[in-house]
Structure formats: structure tokens, C-alpha cells
Amino acid sequence: MSTTETDPRDAPRASGDGGEAEPILSARGVEVAFDAGFAPGGGKGTARAVDGVNLDVSSGEIVALVGESGCGKTTLARVLLGLERPTGGVVLFEGRSMRYGSRDLRSYRRRVQLVQQDPTGSLNPRRTVYESVAEGLRIHEGTTADEAEQVAGALSRAGLRPPERFLSRYPHELSGGQRQRVVIAGALVLDPEVLVADEPVASLDASVRGEILRLLLDLRDELGLSALVATHDLGLAWNIADRVAVMYLGRVVELGTVEEVLAEPAHPYTRALLSVLPDAGDGEPVVLAGEPPDPKQVPTGCRFHPRCPVLASGEAARAGVADLCRTVDPTVLEGGAERRVACHWAAADATGRVRPGVPGSG
């Protein structure tokens, strides 16, 4: 697909300081609930994998969605890709609600492409690199006269140069980093506007992770691509993201630019995640008590309060918000560029009074 003067990827990249670029992809009040066995006391249980999420990705922006395993990152990514239909809320693309007819989804998935976590598992071992990259083209367009040119161009943009060296190879003949580049090329061949990447470097050696992250940054700068990157690695978020959304038990609990969230974290959960990084400074790592709660039994009040070190240490009580933490659910955060935190303690001033009008103040 050739670009034109009205190609939406020509829009300026969203600035990291809360620029005014319009979101290209948004979640508005997205909820995903699954039937999950039986609830305590009888009856069917419902697991709220995603429980009210507002999130925006602007043109040319990389947003990192971070959190522990099981927090809902992958489920939200699947919803944004149209692979999972939300049980509540809506997904917007260029301001229009996603439609779930087969023709609508076919068109949408050409413009919003998935980059999978495990390139070894996502590439068919019996197909050559050429066949793997051309598969998306054939699904959407059929075989075309310029297919070979498009495949070679996608491989080149993914950093496999010269592409002719790789066209006839099979996955087992490639390194892990090269396989991931083939997966990325398979997405790029359709000229998408958004990439949704689920743990894109988790299966790679440390020596090649930086190369793949640099590739994603180059694609943003050169092609104007937007990306949502789901990861548990805050170090990855620091190196690649413009903005960070921290997710816990189906909700975004902190949102802001990478500098705001990772240099000056406000939510106790974000602080705990950052404290265990190797270069986190001289402070002691914060070890959270217990496992994340069962999504079939979301705690009352702040869903993080059973594990919150601020509540356990008495700091929340000294700030006068301990009862709020246990009984009042913090506000579901809006999805714009403004810094937001869903935490009663973070919203309290030094005297223990809750500041009115602060997101998360209840």
C-alpha cells in the first residue's frame, strides 16, 4: 500500500509532555469478564480480567502497559486487537467504535497488527521466511504482482538486510533475534498504523533485546507507527515508552509520561515494582505480601490494599486515609495524557487531608 498526503501515519508524534495529538486507538470503560467455575457460597463465579480501563494511544506514540503476570495486560491487548470482544465498554479507532463483523475486523486488523511474544512458536517451521511474511498479504490481498517487492521491503525495514539472504531460510536457520524480526516484518508488510506487542523481547537473550527495542523506536520515528507494548519489565518501559500505564488486577492504577511514572512513582504498587530493579538505588526492595487476589473476588475498597505496604506500615493511617483504602474504590482513571493515580494515599497531603479534585481521591 503506497502512502499518500493524507496517510494518517504522517500525523506528528505525540509529545511526551501531554501533547495534543488525537488518540488513534482508545479503550473506553473496557471490561472483560469470564465465567470461572463456582463462587464461594455457591453459584457461578465471574473473573473480571479487565475491570474498567480507559487508555489512549496517540499517533506516533509508544505506550507501555506494565504489571505482574495475571493483571490483565494480555487480555486488554487482545481486546484492542479485536481478538476478544469486551463485555463492557468500547474500543475506538480514529474516534470510531470498533465493529465486529468479519469484513470490519478484516479491515481493522490490517491497520492494527500483533507482534507476538514467542517468535519460535508463532512461525511455522515448514514455511520459509518469504512465505511467513507474505501470509498476511495473501490473506488480505491475494497474491499480487509486487508481492516479492513488498516482502523484501518489510524484511529490510525490520532490519534483515539484504533481504535476499533470508527469503529462502526456515525459522530453525535463524537466531532468536532474527526470528523476532521476521515476525515484525510480517506485521509491517501490511503497512499498519499501530502495533500491539505482547512481551516482544521476553523470549530473547539480553544481548539482542536492545536491538529489537531500537528497531521499534526506529519504526516509530521513521514510519510514524504507534505501539502498545505489554510487559512486566519496567526497564523495557523506561527505554522504549513515551507513556506508561501501570495495571493491577484488571485496572490501570497509575498513568503518565515515562519520566513521571518511573522517575517519580506515586502509587505504592508502582514503587514496589520499581524497587526490585537492579539499578533502583540504595533503598531496600519492597516485597509485596501474598499473591495478587483472585479476580473472582476483587477486594472491597482499593483492590491493592490487602498487599499495600503503605497501609501495612501505618503511613495510610497517619495520612488519615486507611479507612478509605479499605472501603472506597478509587476512581477509574481517565485515559488522556494527564498524570493520574488511583490511590487515596497518593492523593492525601502531608496533613492527612484528602485533596479535592485529585484523581484517585475517591
Protein backbone atom coordinates (compact mmCIF):
# COMPACT_ATOMS: atom_id res chain seq x y z
CA MET A 1 0.00 0.00 0.00
CA SER A 2 1.54 3.28 -1.05
CA THR A 3 1.43 6.25 1.29
CA THR A 4 -0.38 9.43 0.28
CA GLU A 5 -0.50 13.00 1.51
CA THR A 6 -3.43 12.05 3.74
CA ASP A 7 -1.85 8.95 5.21
CA PRO A 8 -2.72 9.05 8.94
CA ARG A 9 0.83 7.97 9.81
CA ASP A 10 2.03 11.40 8.66
CA ALA A 11 0.50 12.91 11.81
CA PRO A 12 3.05 14.33 14.26
CA ARG A 13 4.14 12.08 17.10
CA ALA A 14 2.53 12.77 20.44
CA SER A 15 4.91 14.64 22.70
CA GLY A 16 5.91 13.16 25.99
CA ASP A 17 4.67 16.23 27.86
CA GLY A 18 1.00 15.70 27.20
CA GLY A 19 0.83 16.94 23.62
CA GLU A 20 -2.42 17.47 21.80
CA ALA A 21 -2.18 14.65 19.27
CA GLU A 22 -5.54 12.88 18.89
CA PRO A 23 -5.65 9.25 20.05
CA ILE A 24 -5.56 6.77 17.20
CA LEU A 25 -6.55 3.85 19.45
CA SER A 26 -8.54 4.09 22.68
CA ALA A 27 -10.19 1.93 25.30
CA ARG A 28 -13.22 3.49 26.99
CA GLY A 29 -14.51 1.73 30.09
CA VAL A 30 -13.38 -1.64 28.75
CA GLU A 31 -14.42 -4.65 30.80
CA VAL A 32 -13.81 -8.34 30.17
CA ALA A 33 -15.41 -10.93 32.45
CA PHE A 34 -15.16 -14.70 32.19
CA ASP A 35 -17.20 -17.47 33.75
CA ALA A 36 -14.78 -19.09 36.16
CA GLY A 37 -16.07 -22.13 38.00
CA PHE A 38 -18.03 -21.65 41.18
CA ALA A 39 -18.01 -18.72 43.55
CA PRO A 40 -17.71 -19.12 47.32
CA GLY A 41 -21.15 -19.83 48.73
CA GLY A 42 -22.42 -21.39 45.51
CA GLY A 43 -23.31 -20.10 42.09
CA LYS A 44 -21.08 -19.40 39.13
CA GLY A 45 -18.01 -17.28 39.64
CA THR A 46 -17.09 -14.37 37.37
CA ALA A 47 -13.46 -13.41 36.86
CA ARG A 48 -13.05 -9.73 35.99
CA ALA A 49 -9.89 -9.90 33.89
CA VAL A 50 -10.28 -6.28 32.78
CA ASP A 51 -12.44 -4.16 35.04
CA GLY A 52 -12.96 -0.68 33.64
CA VAL A 53 -9.96 0.57 31.66
CA ASN A 54 -9.58 3.89 29.86
CA LEU A 55 -6.41 4.13 27.80
CA ASP A 56 -5.31 6.17 24.78
CA VAL A 57 -2.53 5.57 22.25
CA SER A 58 -1.80 8.63 20.13
CA SER A 59 -0.35 8.71 16.62
CA GLY A 60 3.37 8.03 16.72
CA GLU A 61 3.34 7.24 20.44
CA ILE A 62 4.60 4.18 22.30
CA VAL A 63 2.61 3.31 25.43
CA ALA A 64 3.92 0.64 27.79
CA LEU A 65 1.31 -1.37 29.70
CA VAL A 66 3.11 -2.82 32.72
CA GLY A 67 2.21 -5.07 35.63
CA GLU A 68 2.59 -8.52 37.14
CA SER A 69 1.54 -11.65 35.29
CA GLY A 70 -2.21 -12.08 35.54
CA CYS A 71 -3.01 -8.38 35.90
CA GLY A 72 -4.98 -8.27 32.62
CA LYS A 73 -2.36 -6.88 30.21
CA THR A 74 -2.68 -9.62 27.60
CA THR A 75 -6.49 -9.67 27.79
CA LEU A 76 -6.62 -5.91 27.23
CA ALA A 77 -4.19 -6.24 24.31
CA ARG A 78 -6.41 -8.91 22.76
CA VAL A 79 -9.43 -6.61 23.11
CA LEU A 80 -7.56 -3.77 21.40
CA LEU A 81 -6.66 -6.15 18.56
CA GLY A 82 -10.27 -7.26 18.13
CA LEU A 83 -9.37 -10.82 19.15
CA GLU A 84 -11.52 -10.60 22.27
CA ARG A 85 -14.85 -8.82 22.46
CA PRO A 86 -15.32 -6.73 25.62
CA THR A 87 -18.22 -7.48 27.90
CA GLY A 88 -18.45 -3.77 28.67
CA GLY A 89 -17.11 -0.52 27.26
CA VAL A 90 -15.87 0.16 23.76
CA VAL A 91 -12.69 0.27 21.67
CA LEU A 92 -12.26 3.31 19.42
CA PHE A 93 -10.03 3.53 16.36
CA GLU A 94 -9.59 7.01 14.93
CA GLY A 95 -12.55 8.06 17.08
CA ARG A 96 -14.94 5.41 15.74
CA SER A 97 -16.23 2.42 17.65
CA MET A 98 -14.84 -0.93 16.63
CA ARG A 99 -17.25 -3.12 14.70
CA TYR A 100 -17.11 -6.88 14.95
CA GLY A 101 -18.43 -8.01 11.58
CA SER A 102 -15.97 -10.21 9.68
CA ARG A 103 -15.37 -7.59 6.98
CA ASP A 104 -14.90 -4.83 9.57
CA LEU A 105 -12.42 -6.88 11.58
CA ARG A 106 -10.52 -7.86 8.45
CA SER A 107 -10.04 -4.20 7.56
CA TYR A 108 -9.18 -3.25 11.15
CA ARG A 109 -6.58 -5.96 11.61
CA ARG A 110 -4.72 -4.77 8.57
CA ARG A 111 -4.21 -1.42 10.28
CA VAL A 112 -3.62 -2.73 13.83
CA GLN A 113 -1.13 -5.59 13.86
CA LEU A 114 0.06 -8.01 16.54
CA VAL A 115 3.70 -8.70 17.38
CA GLN A 116 3.74 -11.96 19.33
CA GLN A 117 5.89 -12.84 22.31
CA ASP A 118 7.41 -16.10 21.11
CA PRO A 119 8.73 -15.95 17.55
CA THR A 120 9.65 -19.64 17.60
CA GLY A 121 6.08 -20.62 18.36
CA SER A 122 4.45 -18.10 16.04
CA LEU A 123 6.46 -19.03 12.91
CA ASN A 124 5.52 -22.20 11.04
CA PRO A 125 8.71 -24.32 10.93
CA ARG A 126 7.72 -25.68 7.49
CA ARG A 127 7.44 -22.26 5.87
CA THR A 128 10.28 -20.15 4.58
CA VAL A 129 10.77 -16.58 5.71
CA TYR A 130 9.24 -15.41 2.44
CA GLU A 131 6.11 -17.49 2.94
CA SER A 132 5.72 -16.40 6.56
CA VAL A 133 5.96 -12.69 5.74
CA ALA A 134 3.77 -12.99 2.65
CA GLU A 135 0.99 -14.80 4.52
CA GLY A 136 -0.71 -11.61 5.71
CA LEU A 137 -0.59 -10.08 2.25
CA ARG A 138 -2.21 -13.15 0.72
CA ILE A 139 -4.97 -13.17 3.34
CA HIS A 140 -5.82 -9.52 2.74
CA GLU A 141 -4.98 -9.05 -0.94
CA GLY A 142 -4.35 -12.41 -2.53
CA THR A 143 -1.15 -12.95 -4.49
CA THR A 144 -0.14 -9.71 -6.21
CA ALA A 145 2.42 -8.82 -8.85
CA ASP A 146 4.53 -6.83 -6.39
CA GLU A 147 4.34 -9.35 -3.54
CA ALA A 148 8.07 -10.14 -3.66
CA GLU A 149 8.91 -6.42 -3.55
CA GLN A 150 6.61 -5.86 -0.57
CA VAL A 151 8.05 -8.82 1.33
CA ALA A 152 11.61 -7.69 0.69
CA GLY A 153 10.74 -4.15 1.78
CA ALA A 154 9.19 -5.37 5.03
CA LEU A 155 12.23 -7.52 5.83
CA SER A 156 14.52 -4.59 5.13
CA ARG A 157 12.51 -2.29 7.41
CA ALA A 158 12.69 -4.97 10.11
CA GLY A 159 16.48 -4.91 9.90
CA LEU A 160 17.07 -8.08 7.87
CA ARG A 161 19.37 -6.72 5.18
CA PRO A 162 19.93 -7.58 2.46
CA PRO A 163 16.53 -9.32 2.47
CA GLU A 164 17.57 -11.72 -0.30
CA ARG A 165 19.80 -13.53 2.24
CA PHE A 166 16.78 -14.51 4.33
CA LEU A 167 13.93 -15.18 1.88
CA SER A 168 14.52 -18.91 1.46
CA ARG A 169 15.56 -19.67 5.04
CA TYR A 170 13.49 -21.58 7.57
CA PRO A 171 12.96 -20.49 11.19
CA HIS A 172 15.40 -23.07 12.59
CA GLU A 173 18.15 -21.49 10.48
CA LEU A 174 17.72 -18.12 12.20
CA SER A 175 18.77 -16.72 15.56
CA GLY A 176 16.15 -15.71 18.10
CA GLY A 177 16.57 -12.04 17.24
CA GLN A 178 16.26 -12.75 13.52
CA ARG A 179 13.07 -14.76 14.10
CA GLN A 180 11.56 -11.86 16.02
CA ARG A 181 12.47 -9.53 13.15
CA VAL A 182 10.66 -11.88 10.76
CA VAL A 183 7.57 -11.68 12.99
CA ILE A 184 7.82 -7.87 12.95
CA ALA A 185 8.26 -7.92 9.16
CA GLY A 186 5.08 -10.00 8.89
CA ALA A 187 3.26 -7.15 10.62
CA LEU A 188 4.99 -4.37 8.67
CA VAL A 189 4.22 -5.88 5.26
CA LEU A 190 0.61 -4.68 5.64
CA ASP A 191 1.66 -1.08 6.35
CA PRO A 192 -0.17 -0.89 9.70
CA GLU A 193 -0.58 2.25 11.75
CA VAL A 194 -0.49 0.56 15.17
CA LEU A 195 1.50 -2.36 16.56
CA VAL A 196 0.32 -4.21 19.66
CA ALA A 197 3.29 -6.10 21.08
CA ASP A 198 2.84 -8.57 23.95
CA GLU A 199 6.17 -9.06 25.75
CA PRO A 200 8.08 -8.59 22.47
CA VAL A 201 11.55 -9.35 23.88
CA ALA A 202 10.73 -11.68 26.80
CA SER A 203 11.97 -14.79 25.00
CA LEU A 204 15.18 -13.20 23.69
CA ASP A 205 18.70 -13.15 25.08
CA ALA A 206 19.70 -9.94 26.82
CA SER A 207 22.26 -9.28 24.09
CA VAL A 208 19.60 -8.89 21.39
CA ARG A 209 16.78 -7.28 23.40
CA GLY A 210 18.29 -3.84 22.90
CA GLU A 211 18.43 -4.37 19.14
CA ILE A 212 14.71 -5.19 18.94
CA LEU A 213 13.81 -2.23 21.16
CA ARG A 214 15.90 0.05 18.96
CA LEU A 215 14.07 -1.33 15.93
CA LEU A 216 10.69 -0.46 17.45
CA LEU A 217 11.90 3.06 18.21
CA ASP A 218 13.23 3.44 14.67
CA LEU A 219 9.89 2.28 13.23
CA ARG A 220 8.12 4.90 15.31
CA ASP A 221 10.46 7.65 14.18
CA GLU A 222 10.72 6.65 10.52
CA LEU A 223 7.19 5.42 9.80
CA GLY A 224 5.18 7.25 12.47
CA LEU A 225 3.96 3.93 13.87
CA SER A 226 2.13 3.85 17.19
CA ALA A 227 2.58 0.95 19.58
CA LEU A 228 1.13 -0.53 22.73
CA VAL A 229 3.75 -2.72 24.41
CA ALA A 230 2.52 -5.04 27.18
CA THR A 231 5.34 -6.03 29.51
CA HIS A 232 6.22 -6.89 33.10
CA ASP A 233 9.65 -5.29 32.60
CA LEU A 234 9.78 -1.68 33.79
CA GLY A 235 13.31 -1.38 32.46
CA LEU A 236 11.94 -2.06 28.96
CA ALA A 237 9.25 0.57 29.52
CA TRP A 238 11.87 3.13 30.53
CA ASN A 239 13.89 2.51 27.36
CA ILE A 240 11.08 2.49 24.83
CA ALA A 241 7.91 4.21 26.03
CA ASP A 242 6.59 7.75 25.81
CA ARG A 243 3.92 7.00 28.41
CA VAL A 244 3.37 4.22 30.93
CA ALA A 245 0.15 2.68 32.23
CA VAL A 246 0.58 0.51 35.34
CA MET A 247 -2.05 -2.22 35.64
CA TYR A 248 -3.14 -4.16 38.71
CA LEU A 249 -5.96 -6.69 38.96
CA GLY A 250 -7.74 -5.51 35.82
CA ARG A 251 -7.38 -1.75 36.39
CA VAL A 252 -4.89 0.94 35.40
CA VAL A 253 -3.69 2.35 38.74
CA GLU A 254 -1.10 4.87 37.51
CA LEU A 255 -0.70 6.65 34.20
CA GLY A 256 1.67 9.32 32.91
CA THR A 257 4.80 10.00 30.94
CA VAL A 258 7.67 7.58 31.43
CA GLU A 259 9.58 10.22 33.40
CA GLU A 260 6.62 10.93 35.68
CA VAL A 261 5.72 7.34 36.44
CA LEU A 262 9.13 5.69 36.60
CA ALA A 263 11.24 8.54 37.98
CA GLU A 264 8.63 9.76 40.49
CA PRO A 265 6.17 6.90 41.09
CA ALA A 266 3.15 7.82 43.20
CA HIS A 267 1.25 4.54 43.60
CA PRO A 268 2.66 2.09 46.18
CA TYR A 269 2.33 -0.73 43.63
CA THR A 270 4.46 1.12 41.08
CA ARG A 271 7.02 1.89 43.79
CA ALA A 272 7.20 -1.78 44.73
CA LEU A 273 7.71 -2.86 41.11
CA LEU A 274 10.49 -0.31 40.65
CA SER A 275 12.22 -1.16 43.93
CA VAL A 276 13.31 -4.59 42.70
CA LEU A 277 15.07 -3.34 39.57
CA PRO A 278 18.86 -3.83 39.68
CA ASP A 279 19.56 -0.08 39.37
CA ALA A 280 16.77 1.04 41.69
CA GLY A 281 19.20 2.82 44.05
CA ASP A 282 20.15 2.23 47.66
CA GLY A 283 16.66 1.55 49.00
CA GLU A 284 15.59 -1.91 50.10
CA PRO A 285 13.42 -3.88 47.66
CA VAL A 286 9.74 -3.84 48.59
CA VAL A 287 8.46 -7.41 48.82
CA LEU A 288 4.68 -7.45 48.43
CA ALA A 289 2.82 -9.73 50.80
CA GLY A 290 1.00 -12.68 49.29
CA GLU A 291 -0.19 -13.23 45.75
CA PRO A 292 -2.49 -10.96 43.72
CA PRO A 293 -6.11 -11.54 44.76
CA ASP A 294 -8.37 -13.86 42.81
CA PRO A 295 -10.12 -11.83 40.08
CA LYS A 296 -13.33 -13.66 41.08
CA GLN A 297 -13.07 -11.98 44.49
CA VAL A 298 -11.85 -8.41 43.99
CA PRO A 299 -11.28 -6.84 47.43
CA THR A 300 -13.53 -4.04 48.62
CA GLY A 301 -12.08 -0.54 48.63
CA CYS A 302 -8.75 -0.21 46.86
CA ARG A 303 -8.06 -3.55 45.22
CA PHE A 304 -4.38 -3.26 46.19
CA HIS A 305 -4.99 -2.65 49.90
CA PRO A 306 -4.50 -6.28 51.10
CA ARG A 307 -0.90 -6.13 49.82
CA CYS A 308 -0.20 -2.41 50.23
CA PRO A 309 2.99 -1.69 52.19
CA VAL A 310 1.82 1.87 52.86
CA LEU A 311 -1.30 0.59 54.59
CA ALA A 312 0.60 -2.14 56.44
CA SER A 313 3.24 0.30 57.72
CA GLY A 314 0.70 2.72 59.15
CA GLU A 315 1.53 5.53 56.72
CA ALA A 316 -2.00 5.49 55.31
CA ALA A 317 -3.42 5.77 58.84
CA ARG A 318 -1.16 8.72 59.61
CA ALA A 319 -2.42 10.37 56.41
CA GLY A 320 -5.98 9.74 57.53
CA VAL A 321 -6.96 7.55 54.60
CA ALA A 322 -6.69 4.00 55.97
CA ASP A 323 -10.47 3.55 56.17
CA LEU A 324 -10.85 4.90 52.63
CA CYS A 325 -8.25 2.40 51.41
CA ARG A 326 -10.27 -0.48 52.87
CA THR A 327 -13.76 0.65 51.90
CA VAL A 328 -13.80 3.12 48.98
CA ASP A 329 -12.88 2.05 45.46
CA PRO A 330 -10.60 4.70 43.90
CA THR A 331 -11.80 6.40 40.76
CA VAL A 332 -11.39 4.61 37.43
CA LEU A 333 -8.70 6.67 35.74
CA GLU A 334 -9.37 8.62 32.57
CA GLY A 335 -7.20 7.71 29.61
CA GLY A 336 -5.76 11.04 28.47
CA ALA A 337 -2.20 12.32 28.65
CA GLU A 338 -2.59 13.89 32.12
CA ARG A 339 -0.76 12.29 35.04
CA ARG A 340 -3.24 10.21 37.05
CA VAL A 341 -3.06 7.95 40.09
CA ALA A 342 -5.78 5.74 41.60
CA CYS A 343 -4.61 5.88 45.20
CA HIS A 344 -6.14 7.52 48.28
CA TRP A 345 -2.76 7.85 49.99
CA ALA A 346 -1.12 9.46 46.95
CA ALA A 347 -3.98 11.97 46.86
CA ALA A 348 -3.58 12.96 50.52
CA ASP A 349 -1.43 15.92 51.55
CA ALA A 350 1.06 15.96 54.40
CA THR A 351 -1.61 16.81 56.99
CA GLY A 352 -3.66 13.75 56.13
CA ARG A 353 -6.44 15.64 54.40
CA VAL A 354 -7.59 14.38 51.03
CA ARG A 355 -7.10 16.95 48.31
CA PRO A 356 -10.37 17.51 46.41
CA GLY A 357 -10.35 17.05 42.66
CA VAL A 358 -7.28 14.81 42.56
CA PRO A 359 -7.80 11.62 40.52
CA GLY A 360 -8.00 8.70 42.89
CA SER A 361 -9.15 10.76 45.86
CA GLY A 362 -12.48 8.91 45.86
